[in-house]
C-alpha atoms as a PDB file:
ATOM      1  CA  MET A   1       0.087  27.226 -19.009  1.00  0.00           C
ATOM      2  CA  THR A   2       0.307  23.427 -19.297  1.00  0.00           C
ATOM      3  CA  ASP A   3      -2.594  21.029 -18.784  1.00  0.00           C
ATOM      4  CA  TYR A   4      -2.096  17.690 -17.036  1.00  0.00           C
ATOM      5  CA  ARG A   5      -4.792  15.061 -17.252  1.00  0.00           C
ATOM      6  CA  TYR A   6      -5.623  13.096 -14.118  1.00  0.00           C
ATOM      7  CA  HIS A   7      -7.843  10.181 -13.123  1.00  0.00           C
ATOM      8  CA  LEU A   8      -9.378   9.475  -9.720  1.00  0.00           C
ATOM      9  CA  LEU A   9      -9.829   5.886  -8.572  1.00  0.00           C
ATOM     10  CA  ASP A  10     -10.980   3.986  -5.511  1.00  0.00           C
ATOM     11  CA  VAL A  11      -8.648   1.052  -4.898  1.00  0.00           C
ATOM     12  CA  PHE A  12      -8.999  -2.305  -3.142  1.00  0.00           C
ATOM     13  CA  THR A  13     -12.734  -2.146  -3.653  1.00  0.00           C
ATOM     14  CA  GLN A  14     -15.351  -2.679  -6.347  1.00  0.00           C
ATOM     15  CA  THR A  15     -17.589   0.028  -4.840  1.00  0.00           C
ATOM     16  CA  ARG A  16     -17.203   3.693  -5.681  1.00  0.00           C
ATOM     17  CA  LEU A  17     -16.629   5.973  -2.671  1.00  0.00           C
ATOM     18  CA  ALA A  18     -15.103   3.084  -0.720  1.00  0.00           C
ATOM     19  CA  GLY A  19     -11.558   1.725  -0.624  1.00  0.00           C
ATOM     20  CA  ASN A  20      -8.485   3.944  -0.860  1.00  0.00           C
ATOM     21  CA  GLN A  21      -8.552   7.049  -3.027  1.00  0.00           C
ATOM     22  CA  LEU A  22      -5.913   7.596  -5.681  1.00  0.00           C
ATOM     23  CA  ALA A  23      -5.036  10.264  -8.215  1.00  0.00           C
ATOM     24  CA  VAL A  24      -3.006   9.245 -11.288  1.00  0.00           C
ATOM     25  CA  LEU A  25      -1.367  11.586 -13.792  1.00  0.00           C
ATOM     26  CA  PRO A  26      -0.771   9.318 -16.816  1.00  0.00           C
ATOM     27  CA  ASP A  27       1.570  11.772 -18.576  1.00  0.00           C
ATOM     28  CA  ALA A  28       3.619  13.701 -16.027  1.00  0.00           C
ATOM     29  CA  ALA A  29       6.510  14.620 -18.337  1.00  0.00           C
ATOM     30  CA  GLY A  30       7.843  18.056 -17.437  1.00  0.00           C
ATOM     31  CA  LEU A  31       6.937  17.939 -13.743  1.00  0.00           C
ATOM     32  CA  ASP A  32       9.791  18.211 -11.247  1.00  0.00           C
ATOM     33  CA  GLU A  33       9.864  16.871  -7.701  1.00  0.00           C
ATOM     34  CA  ARG A  34       8.765  20.171  -6.145  1.00  0.00           C
ATOM     35  CA  ARG A  35       5.745  20.496  -8.421  1.00  0.00           C
ATOM     36  CA  MET A  36       4.741  16.841  -7.930  1.00  0.00           C
ATOM     37  CA  GLN A  37       4.793  17.348  -4.158  1.00  0.00           C
ATOM     38  CA  MET A  38       2.608  20.433  -4.530  1.00  0.00           C
ATOM     39  CA  ILE A  39       0.136  18.504  -6.681  1.00  0.00           C
ATOM     40  CA  ALA A  40       0.002  15.704  -4.112  1.00  0.00           C
ATOM     41  CA  ARG A  41      -0.816  18.286  -1.434  1.00  0.00           C
ATOM     42  CA  GLU A  42      -3.473  19.782  -3.719  1.00  0.00           C
ATOM     43  CA  PHE A  43      -5.250  16.433  -4.096  1.00  0.00           C
ATOM     44  CA  ASN A  44      -4.591  15.697  -0.396  1.00  0.00           C
ATOM     45  CA  LEU A  45      -5.131  11.963  -0.904  1.00  0.00           C
ATOM     46  CA  SER A  46      -2.995   9.329   0.777  1.00  0.00           C
ATOM     47  CA  GLU A  47      -1.040   8.969  -2.489  1.00  0.00           C
ATOM     48  CA  THR A  48      -0.801  10.551  -5.925  1.00  0.00           C
ATOM     49  CA  LEU A  49       1.009   8.670  -8.711  1.00  0.00           C
ATOM     50  CA  PHE A  50       2.876  10.162 -11.673  1.00  0.00           C
ATOM     51  CA  LEU A  51       3.767   8.224 -14.835  1.00  0.00           C
ATOM     52  CA  PHE A  52       6.818   9.057 -16.954  1.00  0.00           C
ATOM     53  CA  PRO A  53       8.449   7.482 -20.014  1.00  0.00           C
ATOM     54  CA  PRO A  54      10.453   4.430 -18.887  1.00  0.00           C
ATOM     55  CA  GLU A  55      14.127   4.614 -17.993  1.00  0.00           C
ATOM     56  CA  ARG A  56      14.518   0.829 -17.934  1.00  0.00           C
ATOM     57  CA  GLU A  57      14.195  -0.904 -21.283  1.00  0.00           C
ATOM     58  CA  GLU A  58      11.909  -3.609 -19.870  1.00  0.00           C
ATOM     59  CA  ALA A  59       9.572  -1.187 -18.078  1.00  0.00           C
ATOM     60  CA  LEU A  60       6.300   0.183 -19.424  1.00  0.00           C
ATOM     61  CA  PHE A  61       6.528   3.378 -17.332  1.00  0.00           C
ATOM     62  CA  SER A  62       8.681   4.972 -14.683  1.00  0.00           C
ATOM     63  CA  VAL A  63       6.647   5.775 -11.589  1.00  0.00           C
ATOM     64  CA  ARG A  64       6.853   8.401  -8.832  1.00  0.00           C
ATOM     65  CA  ILE A  65       4.518   8.268  -5.820  1.00  0.00           C
ATOM     66  CA  PHE A  66       3.900  11.107  -3.350  1.00  0.00           C
ATOM     67  CA  THR A  67       1.905  11.385  -0.151  1.00  0.00           C
ATOM     68  CA  PRO A  68       0.829  14.909   0.879  1.00  0.00           C
ATOM     69  CA  GLY A  69       4.042  15.081   2.893  1.00  0.00           C
ATOM     70  CA  ALA A  70       6.774  13.180   1.046  1.00  0.00           C
ATOM     71  CA  GLU A  71       7.782  10.939  -1.844  1.00  0.00           C
ATOM     72  CA  ILE A  72       7.767   7.201  -1.102  1.00  0.00           C
ATOM     73  CA  ARG A  73       9.697   4.434  -2.821  1.00  0.00           C
ATOM     74  CA  PHE A  74       6.867   1.895  -3.073  1.00  0.00           C
ATOM     75  CA  ALA A  75       3.158   1.783  -2.307  1.00  0.00           C
ATOM     76  CA  GLY A  76       0.671  -0.938  -3.144  1.00  0.00           C
ATOM     77  CA  HIS A  77      -2.647   0.777  -3.703  1.00  0.00           C
ATOM     78  CA  PRO A  78      -1.269   3.279  -6.266  1.00  0.00           C
ATOM     79  CA  VAL A  79       0.317   0.444  -8.256  1.00  0.00           C
ATOM     80  CA  ILE A  80      -2.837  -1.698  -8.144  1.00  0.00           C
ATOM     81  CA  GLY A  81      -5.038   1.256  -9.125  1.00  0.00           C
ATOM     82  CA  THR A  82      -2.706   2.303 -11.922  1.00  0.00           C
ATOM     83  CA  THR A  83      -2.631  -1.251 -13.298  1.00  0.00           C
ATOM     84  CA  VAL A  84      -6.439  -1.242 -13.504  1.00  0.00           C
ATOM     85  CA  LEU A  85      -6.387   2.225 -15.101  1.00  0.00           C
ATOM     86  CA  LEU A  86      -3.774   1.280 -17.720  1.00  0.00           C
ATOM     87  CA  ALA A  87      -5.805  -1.795 -18.648  1.00  0.00           C
ATOM     88  CA  GLU A  88      -8.971   0.295 -19.034  1.00  0.00           C
ATOM     89  CA  LEU A  89      -7.115   2.861 -21.159  1.00  0.00           C
ATOM     90  CA  GLY A  90      -5.696   0.129 -23.414  1.00  0.00           C
ATOM     91  CA  LEU A  91      -2.119   0.925 -22.382  1.00  0.00           C
ATOM     92  CA  LEU A  92      -1.288  -2.429 -20.793  1.00  0.00           C
ATOM     93  CA  PRO A  93       0.046  -5.150 -23.122  1.00  0.00           C
ATOM     94  CA  THR A  94      -2.488  -7.983 -23.225  1.00  0.00           C
ATOM     95  CA  SER A  95      -2.547 -11.601 -24.333  1.00  0.00           C
ATOM     96  CA  GLU A  96      -5.546 -13.929 -24.160  1.00  0.00           C
ATOM     97  CA  GLY A  97      -7.511 -11.466 -22.047  1.00  0.00           C
ATOM     98  CA  ALA A  98      -4.799 -10.895 -19.437  1.00  0.00           C
ATOM     99  CA  GLY A  99      -2.423  -7.944 -19.217  1.00  0.00           C
ATOM    100  CA  GLN A 100       1.020  -7.674 -17.720  1.00  0.00           C
ATOM    101  CA  ALA A 101       3.937  -5.255 -17.587  1.00  0.00           C
ATOM    102  CA  ILE A 102       6.740  -3.942 -15.410  1.00  0.00           C
ATOM    103  CA  LEU A 103       6.467  -0.582 -13.666  1.00  0.00           C
ATOM    104  CA  ASP A 104       9.750   0.987 -12.588  1.00  0.00           C
ATOM    105  CA  LEU A 105       9.517   2.426  -9.061  1.00  0.00           C
ATOM    106  CA  PRO A 106      12.290   3.990  -6.952  1.00  0.00           C
ATOM    107  CA  ALA A 107      12.254   0.769  -4.878  1.00  0.00           C
ATOM    108  CA  GLY A 108      12.853  -1.268  -8.028  1.00  0.00           C
ATOM    109  CA  PRO A 109      10.981  -2.859 -10.938  1.00  0.00           C
ATOM    110  CA  VAL A 110       7.508  -4.135 -10.000  1.00  0.00           C
ATOM    111  CA  PRO A 111       5.866  -6.799 -12.193  1.00  0.00           C
ATOM    112  CA  VAL A 112       2.107  -6.270 -12.476  1.00  0.00           C
ATOM    113  CA  ARG A 113      -0.655  -8.235 -14.144  1.00  0.00           C
ATOM    114  CA  ILE A 114      -4.429  -8.093 -14.429  1.00  0.00           C
ATOM    115  CA  GLU A 115      -6.993 -10.753 -15.237  1.00  0.00           C
ATOM    116  CA  ASP A 116     -10.777 -10.483 -14.937  1.00  0.00           C
ATOM    117  CA  GLY A 117     -10.361  -7.100 -13.292  1.00  0.00           C
ATOM    118  CA  LEU A 118      -8.130  -8.398 -10.484  1.00  0.00           C
ATOM    119  CA  ALA A 119      -4.773  -6.640 -10.481  1.00  0.00           C
ATOM    120  CA  THR A 120      -1.705  -8.214  -8.895  1.00  0.00           C
ATOM    121  CA  LEU A 121       1.728  -6.836  -8.102  1.00  0.00           C
ATOM    122  CA  ARG A 122       4.880  -8.548  -6.920  1.00  0.00           C
ATOM    123  CA  ALA A 123       6.671  -6.624  -4.194  1.00  0.00           C
ATOM    124  CA  PRO A 124       9.918  -5.053  -5.458  1.00  0.00           C
ATOM    125  CA  LEU A 125      11.975  -6.433  -2.573  1.00  0.00           C
ATOM    126  CA  PRO A 126      11.761  -9.711  -0.638  1.00  0.00           C
ATOM    127  CA  PRO A 127       9.618  -9.318   2.493  1.00  0.00           C
ATOM    128  CA  ALA A 128      11.945  -9.287   5.479  1.00  0.00           C
ATOM    129  CA  LEU A 129      11.897  -8.565   9.195  1.00  0.00           C
ATOM    130  CA  ALA A 130      13.778  -5.369  10.011  1.00  0.00           C
ATOM    131  CA  GLY A 131      13.984  -5.203  13.802  1.00  0.00           C
ATOM    132  CA  ILE A 132      11.900  -5.014  16.968  1.00  0.00           C
ATOM    133  CA  VAL A 133      10.889  -2.183  19.313  1.00  0.00           C
ATOM    134  CA  GLN A 134       9.106  -1.971  22.655  1.00  0.00           C
ATOM    135  CA  ALA A 135       5.352  -2.362  22.319  1.00  0.00           C
ATOM    136  CA  GLU A 136       4.077  -0.321  25.279  1.00  0.00           C
ATOM    137  CA  PRO A 137       4.655   3.249  23.939  1.00  0.00           C
ATOM    138  CA  LEU A 138       3.053   2.563  20.557  1.00  0.00           C
ATOM    139  CA  ALA A 139       0.224   0.611  22.177  1.00  0.00           C
ATOM    140  CA  ALA A 140      -0.519   3.590  24.410  1.00  0.00           C
ATOM    141  CA  ALA A 141      -0.424   5.893  21.368  1.00  0.00           C
ATOM    142  CA  VAL A 142      -3.405   4.022  19.879  1.00  0.00           C
ATOM    143  CA  GLY A 143      -5.291   3.659  23.179  1.00  0.00           C
ATOM    144  CA  LEU A 144      -4.271   0.121  24.121  1.00  0.00           C
ATOM    145  CA  THR A 145      -2.604  -1.374  27.148  1.00  0.00           C
ATOM    146  CA  GLU A 146       0.505  -3.507  26.888  1.00  0.00           C
ATOM    147  CA  ALA A 147      -1.547  -6.567  27.904  1.00  0.00           C
ATOM    148  CA  GLU A 148      -3.843  -6.137  24.895  1.00  0.00           C
ATOM    149  CA  VAL A 149      -1.079  -6.507  22.315  1.00  0.00           C
ATOM    150  CA  ALA A 150       1.477  -9.117  21.369  1.00  0.00           C
ATOM    151  CA  SER A 151       4.933  -7.884  22.296  1.00  0.00           C
ATOM    152  CA  PRO A 152       7.271  -6.699  20.860  1.00  0.00           C
ATOM    153  CA  VAL A 153       6.433  -4.504  17.872  1.00  0.00           C
ATOM    154  CA  ARG A 154       8.163  -5.905  14.791  1.00  0.00           C
ATOM    155  CA  LEU A 155       9.455  -3.935  11.824  1.00  0.00           C
ATOM    156  CA  ALA A 156       9.084  -5.487   8.378  1.00  0.00           C
ATOM    157  CA  THR A 157       9.591  -4.363   4.806  1.00  0.00           C
ATOM    158  CA  ALA A 158       8.996  -5.387   1.210  1.00  0.00           C
ATOM    159  CA  GLY A 159      10.070  -2.075  -0.291  1.00  0.00           C
ATOM    160  CA  THR A 160       8.585   0.191   2.393  1.00  0.00           C
ATOM    161  CA  THR A 161       9.067  -0.421   6.129  1.00  0.00           C
ATOM    162  CA  PHE A 162       6.231  -0.590   8.665  1.00  0.00           C
ATOM    163  CA  ALA A 163       5.967  -1.184  12.398  1.00  0.00           C
ATOM    164  CA  PHE A 164       3.513  -4.016  13.147  1.00  0.00           C
ATOM    165  CA  LEU A 165       1.544  -4.046  16.397  1.00  0.00           C
ATOM    166  CA  GLN A 166      -0.526  -7.213  16.820  1.00  0.00           C
ATOM    167  CA  VAL A 167      -3.730  -7.092  18.875  1.00  0.00           C
ATOM    168  CA  HIS A 168      -5.030 -10.216  20.602  1.00  0.00           C
ATOM    169  CA  ASP A 169      -8.751  -9.478  20.113  1.00  0.00           C
ATOM    170  CA  PRO A 170     -10.007  -8.294  16.688  1.00  0.00           C
ATOM    171  CA  ALA A 171     -12.843  -6.403  18.402  1.00  0.00           C
ATOM    172  CA  TRP A 172     -10.230  -3.969  19.734  1.00  0.00           C
ATOM    173  CA  ILE A 173      -9.222  -2.879  16.229  1.00  0.00           C
ATOM    174  CA  ASP A 174     -12.355  -0.772  15.724  1.00  0.00           C
ATOM    175  CA  ARG A 175     -12.042   0.928  19.106  1.00  0.00           C
ATOM    176  CA  LEU A 176      -8.495   2.229  18.673  1.00  0.00           C
ATOM    177  CA  GLU A 177      -8.046   5.858  19.730  1.00  0.00           C
ATOM    178  CA  PRO A 178      -4.969   7.060  17.845  1.00  0.00           C
ATOM    179  CA  ASP A 179      -2.953   9.973  19.174  1.00  0.00           C
ATOM    180  CA  HIS A 180      -1.455  11.107  15.876  1.00  0.00           C
ATOM    181  CA  ALA A 181       1.147  13.402  17.420  1.00  0.00           C
ATOM    182  CA  ALA A 182       2.358  10.574  19.667  1.00  0.00           C
ATOM    183  CA  ILE A 183       2.435   8.089  16.789  1.00  0.00           C
ATOM    184  CA  ALA A 184       4.503  10.483  14.691  1.00  0.00           C
ATOM    185  CA  ARG A 185       6.892  11.126  17.583  1.00  0.00           C
ATOM    186  CA  LEU A 186       7.280   7.429  18.434  1.00  0.00           C
ATOM    187  CA  MET A 187       7.486   6.026  14.894  1.00  0.00           C
ATOM    188  CA  PRO A 188      10.624   3.869  14.926  1.00  0.00           C
ATOM    189  CA  SER A 189      13.089   4.532  12.111  1.00  0.00           C
ATOM    190  CA  PRO A 190      12.974   3.531   9.281  1.00  0.00           C
ATOM    191  CA  ALA A 191       9.244   2.743   9.535  1.00  0.00           C
ATOM    192  CA  THR A 192       6.892   4.977   7.567  1.00  0.00           C
ATOM    193  CA  GLY A 193       3.696   3.739   9.214  1.00  0.00           C
ATOM    194  CA  LEU A 194       2.222   1.875  12.171  1.00  0.00           C
ATOM    195  CA  THR A 195       0.106  -1.138  11.188  1.00  0.00           C
ATOM    196  CA  VAL A 196      -2.182  -2.466  13.924  1.00  0.00           C
ATOM    197  CA  PHE A 197      -3.648  -5.881  13.092  1.00  0.00           C
ATOM    198  CA  ALA A 198      -5.533  -8.845  14.499  1.00  0.00           C
ATOM    199  CA  ARG A 199      -6.328 -12.261  13.130  1.00  0.00           C
ATOM    200  CA  THR A 200     -10.037 -12.742  12.364  1.00  0.00           C
ATOM    201  CA  GLY A 201      -9.840 -16.255  10.918  1.00  0.00           C
ATOM    202  CA  PRO A 202      -7.404 -18.914   9.725  1.00  0.00           C
ATOM    203  CA  ALA A 203      -6.576 -16.829   6.647  1.00  0.00           C
ATOM    204  CA  SER A 204      -7.976 -13.360   7.383  1.00  0.00           C
ATOM    205  CA  PHE A 205      -6.931 -10.231   9.275  1.00  0.00           C
ATOM    206  CA  SER A 206      -8.399  -6.897  10.343  1.00  0.00           C
ATOM    207  CA  VAL A 207      -5.979  -3.974   9.946  1.00  0.00           C
ATOM    208  CA  ARG A 208      -5.601  -0.240  10.555  1.00  0.00           C
ATOM    209  CA  MET A 209      -2.571   1.782   9.441  1.00  0.00           C
ATOM    210  CA  PHE A 210      -1.423   5.207  10.669  1.00  0.00           C
ATOM    211  CA  ALA A 211       1.321   7.372   9.124  1.00  0.00           C
ATOM    212  CA  PRO A 212       0.764  10.918  10.456  1.00  0.00           C
ATOM    213  CA  GLN A 213       4.357  12.008   9.895  1.00  0.00           C
ATOM    214  CA  GLU A 214       3.803  11.315   6.166  1.00  0.00           C
ATOM    215  CA  GLY A 215       0.602  13.384   6.093  1.00  0.00           C
ATOM    216  CA  VAL A 216      -1.577  10.241   6.231  1.00  0.00           C
ATOM    217  CA  PHE A 217      -3.392  10.166   9.577  1.00  0.00           C
ATOM    218  CA  GLU A 218      -5.076   6.873   8.672  1.00  0.00           C
ATOM    219  CA  ASP A 219      -5.018   4.886   5.436  1.00  0.00           C
ATOM    220  CA  PRO A 220      -8.084   2.979   4.168  1.00  0.00           C
ATOM    221  CA  ALA A 221      -5.913   0.341   2.446  1.00  0.00           C
ATOM    222  CA  THR A 222      -2.140  -0.126   2.395  1.00  0.00           C
ATOM    223  CA  GLY A 223      -0.782  -2.597  -0.123  1.00  0.00           C
ATOM    224  CA  SER A 224       2.859  -1.999   0.809  1.00  0.00           C
ATOM    225  CA  SER A 225       2.033  -2.825   4.432  1.00  0.00           C
ATOM    226  CA  ALA A 226       0.299  -6.009   3.285  1.00  0.00           C
ATOM    227  CA  ALA A 227       3.393  -6.992   1.298  1.00  0.00           C
ATOM    228  CA  ALA A 228       5.640  -6.363   4.319  1.00  0.00           C
ATOM    229  CA  MET A 229       3.249  -8.393   6.494  1.00  0.00           C
ATOM    230  CA  ALA A 230       4.253 -11.421   4.429  1.00  0.00           C
ATOM    231  CA  ALA A 231       7.555 -11.390   6.331  1.00  0.00           C
ATOM    232  CA  LEU A 232       5.703 -11.852   9.637  1.00  0.00           C
ATOM    233  CA  LEU A 233       3.513 -14.629   8.269  1.00  0.00           C
ATOM    234  CA  LEU A 234       6.431 -16.535   6.767  1.00  0.00           C
ATOM    235  CA  ALA A 235       8.402 -16.202  10.012  1.00  0.00           C
ATOM    236  CA  ASP A 236       5.510 -17.281  12.247  1.00  0.00           C
ATOM    237  CA  GLU A 237       3.884 -19.847   9.974  1.00  0.00           C
ATOM    238  CA  PRO A 238       6.257 -21.191   7.303  1.00  0.00           C
ATOM    239  CA  ASP A 239       3.484 -23.472   6.016  1.00  0.00           C
ATOM    240  CA  CYS A 240       1.526 -20.388   4.860  1.00  0.00           C
ATOM    241  CA  ALA A 241       3.814 -20.067   1.821  1.00  0.00           C
ATOM    242  CA  GLY A 242       1.694 -20.149  -1.302  1.00  0.00           C
ATOM    243  CA  GLN A 243      -1.589 -19.588   0.543  1.00  0.00           C
ATOM    244  CA  GLN A 244      -3.711 -16.472   0.036  1.00  0.00           C
ATOM    245  CA  VAL A 245      -4.895 -14.413   2.993  1.00  0.00           C
ATOM    246  CA  GLU A 246      -7.517 -11.673   3.103  1.00  0.00           C
ATOM    247  CA  ILE A 247      -6.835  -8.324   4.775  1.00  0.00           C
ATOM    248  CA  VAL A 248      -9.773  -6.036   5.580  1.00  0.00           C
ATOM    249  CA  GLN A 249      -8.934  -2.394   6.233  1.00  0.00           C
ATOM    250  CA  GLY A 250     -10.673   0.988   6.262  1.00  0.00           C
ATOM    251  CA  VAL A 251     -13.832  -0.175   8.063  1.00  0.00           C
ATOM    252  CA  ALA A 252     -13.449   2.331  10.911  1.00  0.00           C
ATOM    253  CA  MET A 253     -13.104   5.110   8.319  1.00  0.00           C
ATOM    254  CA  GLY A 254     -16.263   4.159   6.440  1.00  0.00           C
ATOM    255  CA  ARG A 255     -14.155   3.139   3.423  1.00  0.00           C
ATOM    256  CA  PRO A 256     -13.944  -0.668   3.625  1.00  0.00           C
ATOM    257  CA  SER A 257     -11.177  -2.247   1.570  1.00  0.00           C
ATOM    258  CA  THR A 258     -10.148  -5.798   0.758  1.00  0.00           C
ATOM    259  CA  ILE A 259      -6.542  -6.743   0.019  1.00  0.00           C
ATOM    260  CA  TYR A 260      -5.403 -10.224  -1.004  1.00  0.00           C
ATOM    261  CA  LEU A 261      -1.887 -11.235   0.031  1.00  0.00           C
ATOM    262  CA  LYS A 262       0.039 -14.312  -1.038  1.00  0.00           C
ATOM    263  CA  PRO A 263       3.363 -14.933   0.723  1.00  0.00           C
ATOM    264  CA  PHE A 264       5.503 -17.466  -1.117  1.00  0.00           C
ATOM    265  CA  LEU A 265       9.023 -18.653  -1.800  1.00  0.00           C
ATOM    266  CA  ASP A 266      10.493 -17.875  -5.205  1.00  0.00           C
ATOM    267  CA  GLU A 267      12.465 -20.231  -7.445  1.00  0.00           C
ATOM    268  CA  ALA A 268      15.599 -19.620  -5.369  1.00  0.00           C
ATOM    269  CA  GLY A 269      13.784 -20.262  -2.094  1.00  0.00           C
ATOM    270  CA  HIS A 270      13.703 -16.591  -1.113  1.00  0.00           C
ATOM    271  CA  ALA A 271      10.683 -14.918   0.520  1.00  0.00           C
ATOM    272  CA  ALA A 272       8.382 -13.096  -1.888  1.00  0.00           C
ATOM    273  CA  ALA A 273       4.942 -11.513  -1.802  1.00  0.00           C
ATOM    274  CA  GLU A 274       2.112 -10.808  -4.208  1.00  0.00           C
ATOM    275  CA  VAL A 275      -0.642  -8.300  -3.430  1.00  0.00           C
ATOM    276  CA  SER A 276      -3.931  -8.311  -5.350  1.00  0.00           C
ATOM    277  CA  GLY A 277      -7.055  -6.188  -5.465  1.00  0.00           C
ATOM    278  CA  ARG A 278      -9.609  -4.409  -7.598  1.00  0.00           C
ATOM    279  CA  ALA A 279     -10.211  -0.745  -8.369  1.00  0.00           C
ATOM    280  CA  VAL A 280     -12.860   1.494  -9.945  1.00  0.00           C
ATOM    281  CA  ARG A 281     -12.556   4.849 -11.673  1.00  0.00           C
ATOM    282  CA  VAL A 282     -14.626   7.615 -10.084  1.00  0.00           C
ATOM    283  CA  GLY A 283     -13.611  10.691 -12.075  1.00  0.00           C
ATOM    284  CA  GLU A 284     -11.154  12.464 -14.336  1.00  0.00           C
ATOM    285  CA  GLY A 285     -10.135  15.976 -15.225  1.00  0.00           C
ATOM    286  CA  ARG A 286      -7.291  18.383 -15.979  1.00  0.00           C
ATOM    287  CA  LEU A 287      -4.938  20.415 -13.873  1.00  0.00           C
ATOM    288  CA  PHE A 288      -4.152  23.886 -15.230  1.00  0.00           C
ATOM    289  CA  LEU A 289      -0.582  24.635 -14.170  1.00  0.00           C
END
C-alpha cells in the first residue's frame, strides 16, 4: 500500500469554505492516468491536480489536472491554488519576497508568480475566438429567451475552449435555471463549458459556468474561462488591453469567488492574458492506495 499526501484549498477567495475547491497531490509519482481519474472521482471536486517531476528543463513541475469525468489540458483555479500552496510549502523559488516558476501543463508551459499572497498565471496559449453558434438553444437550456441574450454565442480559448453566452441584464444571471442534460447535449465542440456572463460595471462582470458533460454541473470559479474571455474583450474593446477587470462567480452557489483578468498584447503584439487570485488551505491528509 502506498500513501499519497494531499492538500485541500479554496481558490479565488480569501475566505475558507468559499471560492472553488481544489485537491492537490504534491508528489503523484507512480500514479497512472486511470488511477488519477479514480482519485478525482473520489474527491468529486471540480478539479484535482497532480504534480510530477518536470519533463521540461525550465519547469518546476509537470502538472496533470482531472475533473471527475475527464482530464483537461489547462484550468486556472488549480494552477492558482497550486501556486499559493507551493509558496506556503517553500517549494516556489523566491526573490525579494516574490516567487515565480513555470508549471508544465498538457496545454503548454504556464508561467506563474506570487506576491503578497496574490497568485498570477499567464495563459499557455494566446486568447483567441474559435467560432460562433446559434444562441437560442443554449439560452433556452439555462432558462432564458433569445431576446435576453446577445447573439450569437461565441467560442473562445486560451488553452481550454468555452462557449460564451452574454446576458443583457446582470440581474438575470442569478435567476438562471440550467437544464444540465440539455447543456451537455448542446455543448458545441470543442467547448468544454458554457460561460454565461453580464457586465456589471465598466471593468466588472458577473459569471456562471456550466460543464455537466465534464462532471461539473456548475463551477464556483473558472480561471481558464476568464483567460478565454480575454479574447472577447480584446475583440470588442481593443482599448481594454493592459487594464484589469474583475469577474465575480459562484454567488448563486453560495461560494463567491473573485477572479482578476488582465488582457494585454505581448511584445510581438499578440493577444495574451493573465489571471490572478488568492487561495487558502482548508485541510490536508493522506490517501491509502
